[in-house]
């Protein structure tokens, strides 16, 4: 697509270059994320160089990863779900914007709109009631007539069918473990999301990047590090062009 350059950096991290701006989604850039280990190739610094805007979909540590954000600098503009801003500012980030569902902002030729996501809102997962809490969101990134849907983490929800004219959808198709909890898409449910949205192109994300040390080499986990995007591509072929991209690689958009 003319004027849109993408690179899948792994997990939910995608570098979008559009309208002369560099947008990074849910940056996870380090070798370790909490108790998880990066099993995809390490990222060179040029993969996140020049970031103009960061989109954070929700508070979980594999999406709002403080060490990765600090690698970008504490002055980088960061968009977070409404309710998360003060928590991030207290950790030294000086340029934080909050968006609730349906709210938007303009950024030098970009239009960013927060969308609903069906996913746990708490920093520490669904079983805790203390600590930071902010509803998870997805984002619609618009520039030059192009519309990119950044799903973040989400399960299926009815309003997906109301999205229209999506040029590129970044859809999660797995996670980092041997099973999925609530609020996630597996390959078949992600294919149903593609059926509802009918994007021109879909890039499967949230796979093949992080794993729990000790089980990463098990037969089941080795399979789950490679199979989900391919299962998705087979299931979604009737609804969208699927571009399976290995973590760290450019997305080869042909149209």
Protein backbone atom coordinates (compact mmCIF):
# COMPACT_ATOMS: atom_id res chain seq x y z
CA UNK A 1 0.00 0.00 0.00
CA UNK A 2 1.51 3.29 -1.07
CA UNK A 3 2.66 5.43 1.83
CA UNK A 4 2.37 2.69 4.47
CA UNK A 5 5.41 0.75 5.68
CA UNK A 6 5.07 -1.90 8.39
CA UNK A 7 7.45 -4.08 10.33
CA UNK A 8 6.28 -6.76 12.76
CA UNK A 9 8.70 -6.56 15.69
CA UNK A 10 7.13 -9.45 17.61
CA UNK A 11 4.29 -10.10 20.06
CA UNK A 12 1.93 -7.08 19.63
CA UNK A 13 4.69 -4.69 18.58
CA UNK A 14 4.37 -3.31 15.06
CA UNK A 15 6.23 -0.36 13.58
CA UNK A 16 3.92 1.66 11.32
CA UNK A 17 5.35 4.37 9.09
CA UNK A 18 2.64 6.55 7.58
CA UNK A 19 2.03 10.26 6.94
CA UNK A 20 5.69 10.89 7.69
CA UNK A 21 5.26 9.56 11.23
CA UNK A 22 6.52 6.44 13.00
CA UNK A 23 3.98 4.74 15.27
CA UNK A 24 4.91 1.86 17.57
CA UNK A 25 2.23 -0.40 19.05
CA UNK A 26 2.63 -2.02 22.50
CA UNK A 27 6.45 -1.96 22.39
CA UNK A 28 8.21 -5.07 23.72
CA UNK A 29 11.85 -4.64 22.73
CA UNK A 30 13.94 -6.48 25.32
CA UNK A 31 15.25 -10.02 25.78
CA UNK A 32 13.03 -10.63 28.80
CA UNK A 33 9.56 -9.46 29.77
CA UNK A 34 8.95 -10.22 33.41
CA UNK A 35 9.19 -13.99 33.67
CA UNK A 36 8.98 -14.47 29.90
CA UNK A 37 11.92 -14.87 27.55
CA UNK A 38 12.12 -13.61 23.99
CA UNK A 39 12.57 -16.63 21.74
CA UNK A 40 12.43 -14.63 18.49
CA UNK A 41 15.66 -13.03 17.22
CA UNK A 42 16.76 -9.93 19.16
CA UNK A 43 15.79 -6.57 17.70
CA UNK A 44 18.40 -4.11 16.41
CA UNK A 45 18.04 -0.53 17.69
CA UNK A 46 17.07 0.78 14.27
CA UNK A 47 13.80 -1.18 14.53
CA UNK A 48 12.44 1.37 17.02
CA UNK A 49 14.54 4.40 16.03
CA UNK A 50 12.67 7.60 15.26
CA UNK A 51 9.44 6.63 17.02
CA UNK A 52 7.05 9.61 17.02
CA UNK A 53 4.07 8.07 18.82
CA UNK A 54 3.42 4.98 20.96
CA UNK A 55 0.03 3.28 21.27
CA UNK A 56 -0.57 1.20 24.41
CA UNK A 57 -3.65 -1.03 24.25
CA UNK A 58 -3.82 -2.09 27.91
CA UNK A 59 -1.91 -2.33 31.15
CA UNK A 60 -0.62 -5.92 31.11
CA UNK A 61 3.15 -6.15 31.39
CA UNK A 62 3.62 -7.73 27.96
CA UNK A 63 1.93 -4.70 26.36
CA UNK A 64 2.73 -1.81 28.68
CA UNK A 65 6.36 -2.80 29.28
CA UNK A 66 8.15 -0.08 31.22
CA UNK A 67 11.75 -1.10 30.34
CA UNK A 68 10.89 -1.02 26.63
CA UNK A 69 9.17 2.35 26.95
CA UNK A 70 12.23 3.76 28.71
CA UNK A 71 14.37 2.62 25.78
CA UNK A 72 12.30 5.01 23.64
CA UNK A 73 12.81 7.89 26.09
CA UNK A 74 10.55 9.40 28.71
CA UNK A 75 9.55 12.26 26.39
CA UNK A 76 8.14 10.03 23.64
CA UNK A 77 4.38 10.71 23.17
CA UNK A 78 2.43 7.75 24.57
CA UNK A 79 -1.30 7.12 24.13
CA UNK A 80 -2.88 4.95 26.83
CA UNK A 81 -6.41 3.86 27.78
CA UNK A 82 -8.28 6.41 29.85
CA UNK A 83 -7.42 5.90 33.50
CA UNK A 84 -3.81 4.79 32.94
CA UNK A 85 -2.18 8.18 32.38
CA UNK A 86 -1.37 9.21 35.93
CA UNK A 87 0.14 5.81 36.75
CA UNK A 88 2.52 6.18 33.81
CA UNK A 89 3.34 9.82 34.59
CA UNK A 90 4.35 8.85 38.12
CA UNK A 91 6.96 6.59 36.51
CA UNK A 92 8.60 9.51 34.74
CA UNK A 93 6.86 9.65 31.37
CA UNK A 94 6.12 13.27 30.57
CA UNK A 95 4.05 13.15 27.37
CA UNK A 96 1.07 10.89 28.03
CA UNK A 97 -2.38 11.16 26.43
CA UNK A 98 -5.44 9.17 27.50
CA UNK A 99 -8.23 7.99 25.22
CA UNK A 100 -11.47 6.27 26.14
CA UNK A 101 -13.54 4.26 23.68
CA UNK A 102 -14.78 6.56 20.91
CA UNK A 103 -12.35 9.34 21.75
CA UNK A 104 -9.67 10.44 19.31
CA UNK A 105 -6.74 12.74 18.71
CA UNK A 106 -4.99 14.32 15.75
CA UNK A 107 -1.22 14.04 15.36
CA UNK A 108 0.34 15.74 12.32
CA UNK A 109 -1.66 13.96 9.65
CA UNK A 110 -2.69 11.00 11.80
CA UNK A 111 -6.07 10.41 13.35
CA UNK A 112 -6.06 7.97 16.29
CA UNK A 113 -9.37 6.67 17.68
CA UNK A 114 -9.74 4.32 20.65
CA UNK A 115 -12.00 1.32 20.07
CA UNK A 116 -13.59 -1.25 22.34
CA UNK A 117 -11.59 -4.35 23.31
CA UNK A 118 -12.86 -7.35 25.27
CA UNK A 119 -9.92 -7.98 27.61
CA UNK A 120 -9.01 -7.71 31.30
CA UNK A 121 -8.49 -4.13 32.43
CA UNK A 122 -6.25 -4.66 35.46
CA UNK A 123 -2.46 -4.39 35.40
CA UNK A 124 -2.08 -7.64 37.32
CA UNK A 125 -4.74 -9.70 35.56
CA UNK A 126 -8.39 -10.51 36.24
CA UNK A 127 -8.00 -11.95 39.74
CA UNK A 128 -6.72 -8.80 41.49
CA UNK A 129 -8.65 -5.78 42.71
CA UNK A 130 -5.86 -3.43 43.82
CA UNK A 131 -3.36 -1.49 41.72
CA UNK A 132 -3.75 0.28 38.35
CA UNK A 133 -6.89 -0.36 36.34
CA UNK A 134 -7.98 1.01 32.95
CA UNK A 135 -10.28 -0.56 30.33
CA UNK A 136 -8.39 -2.16 27.45
CA UNK A 137 -8.78 -0.60 24.00
CA UNK A 138 -7.89 -1.15 20.38
CA UNK A 139 -7.04 1.68 18.02
CA UNK A 140 -7.99 2.88 14.56
CA UNK A 141 -5.07 4.67 12.88
CA UNK A 142 -6.11 6.80 9.91
CA UNK A 143 -3.92 8.73 7.49
CA UNK A 144 -4.18 9.66 3.83
CA UNK A 145 -7.40 7.68 3.45
CA UNK A 146 -5.82 4.50 4.90
CA UNK A 147 -7.36 2.80 7.93
CA UNK A 148 -5.35 0.46 10.16
CA UNK A 149 -7.07 -1.47 12.94
CA UNK A 150 -4.78 -2.23 15.88
CA UNK A 151 -6.73 -4.78 17.92
CA UNK A 152 -4.43 -5.06 20.95
CA UNK A 153 -5.61 -8.02 23.04
CA UNK A 154 -9.28 -8.82 22.64
CA UNK A 155 -11.85 -11.54 22.27
CA UNK A 156 -14.64 -11.37 19.69
CA UNK A 157 -17.26 -8.69 20.29
CA UNK A 158 -20.37 -7.70 18.34
CA UNK A 159 -19.18 -4.21 17.40
CA UNK A 160 -16.41 -5.67 15.26
CA UNK A 161 -18.99 -6.01 12.51
CA UNK A 162 -19.40 -2.22 12.56
CA UNK A 163 -15.80 -1.62 11.51
CA UNK A 164 -15.66 -0.93 7.80
CA UNK A 165 -13.18 0.09 5.16
CA UNK A 166 -10.23 -1.37 7.08
CA UNK A 167 -7.15 -1.57 4.89
CA UNK A 168 -4.96 -3.42 7.39
CA UNK A 169 -5.96 -5.29 10.55
CA UNK A 170 -3.39 -6.31 13.15
CA UNK A 171 -5.15 -9.28 14.77
CA UNK A 172 -3.82 -11.38 17.67
CA UNK A 173 -3.86 -15.10 16.97
CA UNK A 174 -2.27 -16.63 20.09
CA UNK A 175 -0.16 -15.57 23.09
CA UNK A 176 2.96 -16.69 24.94
CA UNK A 177 1.90 -19.91 26.70
CA UNK A 178 0.56 -23.40 26.02
CA UNK A 179 -3.04 -22.20 26.46
CA UNK A 180 -5.09 -19.02 26.25
CA UNK A 181 -7.09 -17.37 29.01
CA UNK A 182 -10.25 -15.29 28.51
CA UNK A 183 -10.10 -12.17 26.40
CA UNK A 184 -7.89 -13.59 23.64
CA UNK A 185 -8.27 -14.79 20.07
CA UNK A 186 -7.05 -18.17 18.89
CA UNK A 187 -6.55 -18.72 15.13
CA UNK A 188 -10.14 -19.81 14.49
CA UNK A 189 -11.71 -16.99 16.51
CA UNK A 190 -9.34 -14.52 14.84
CA UNK A 191 -10.60 -15.83 11.50
CA UNK A 192 -14.14 -15.10 12.66
CA UNK A 193 -13.00 -11.56 13.51
CA UNK A 194 -11.63 -11.26 9.97
CA UNK A 195 -14.99 -12.43 8.62
CA UNK A 196 -16.76 -9.70 10.60
CA UNK A 197 -14.32 -6.91 9.71
CA UNK A 198 -13.34 -7.95 6.15
CA UNK A 199 -10.05 -6.03 6.09
CA UNK A 200 -8.17 -5.87 2.81
CA UNK A 201 -5.03 -7.22 4.50
CA UNK A 202 -4.50 -8.86 7.88
CA UNK A 203 -1.21 -9.26 9.72
CA UNK A 204 -1.41 -11.91 12.48
CA UNK A 205 0.36 -10.74 15.65
CA UNK A 206 0.78 -11.83 19.29
CA UNK A 207 2.57 -15.08 18.46
CA UNK A 208 6.03 -16.61 18.12
CA UNK A 209 7.90 -14.14 20.31
CA UNK A 210 7.70 -14.82 24.06
CA UNK A 211 7.67 -18.05 26.06
CA UNK A 212 8.06 -19.31 29.59
CA UNK A 213 11.62 -20.59 30.19
CA UNK A 214 11.63 -24.32 30.71
CA UNK A 215 8.71 -25.09 28.44
CA UNK A 216 9.83 -23.20 25.33
CA UNK A 217 11.55 -26.34 24.03
CA UNK A 218 8.70 -28.73 24.67
CA UNK A 219 7.12 -30.28 21.59
CA UNK A 220 3.79 -28.54 22.21
CA UNK A 221 5.33 -25.11 22.72
CA UNK A 222 7.61 -25.39 19.70
CA UNK A 223 4.49 -26.07 17.66
CA UNK A 224 2.59 -23.15 19.22
CA UNK A 225 5.44 -20.78 18.40
CA UNK A 226 4.94 -21.33 14.66
CA UNK A 227 1.52 -22.80 13.87
CA UNK A 228 -1.11 -20.21 14.98
CA UNK A 229 -0.62 -17.63 12.17
CA UNK A 230 -0.64 -20.39 9.58
CA UNK A 231 -3.82 -21.90 11.00
CA UNK A 232 -5.31 -18.42 10.92
CA UNK A 233 -4.25 -17.84 7.32
CA UNK A 234 -5.95 -21.06 6.24
CA UNK A 235 -9.15 -20.28 8.16
CA UNK A 236 -9.35 -16.62 7.09
CA UNK A 237 -8.37 -16.92 3.42
CA UNK A 238 -11.93 -16.29 2.19
CA UNK A 239 -12.20 -12.99 4.08
CA UNK A 240 -8.85 -11.20 3.80
CA UNK A 241 -5.34 -11.41 2.39
CA UNK A 242 -3.18 -12.74 5.23
CA UNK A 243 0.46 -11.69 5.43
CA UNK A 244 2.21 -14.09 7.80
CA UNK A 245 5.35 -12.22 8.87
CA UNK A 246 8.07 -13.60 11.13
CA UNK A 247 8.89 -11.54 14.24
CA UNK A 248 11.40 -8.83 13.38
CA UNK A 249 10.65 -8.84 9.64
CA UNK A 250 9.09 -6.23 7.30
CA UNK A 251 5.51 -6.81 6.26
CA UNK A 252 5.51 -7.38 2.50
CA UNK A 253 2.45 -5.48 1.34
CA UNK A 254 1.96 -5.89 -2.39
CA UNK A 255 -1.02 -3.68 -3.04
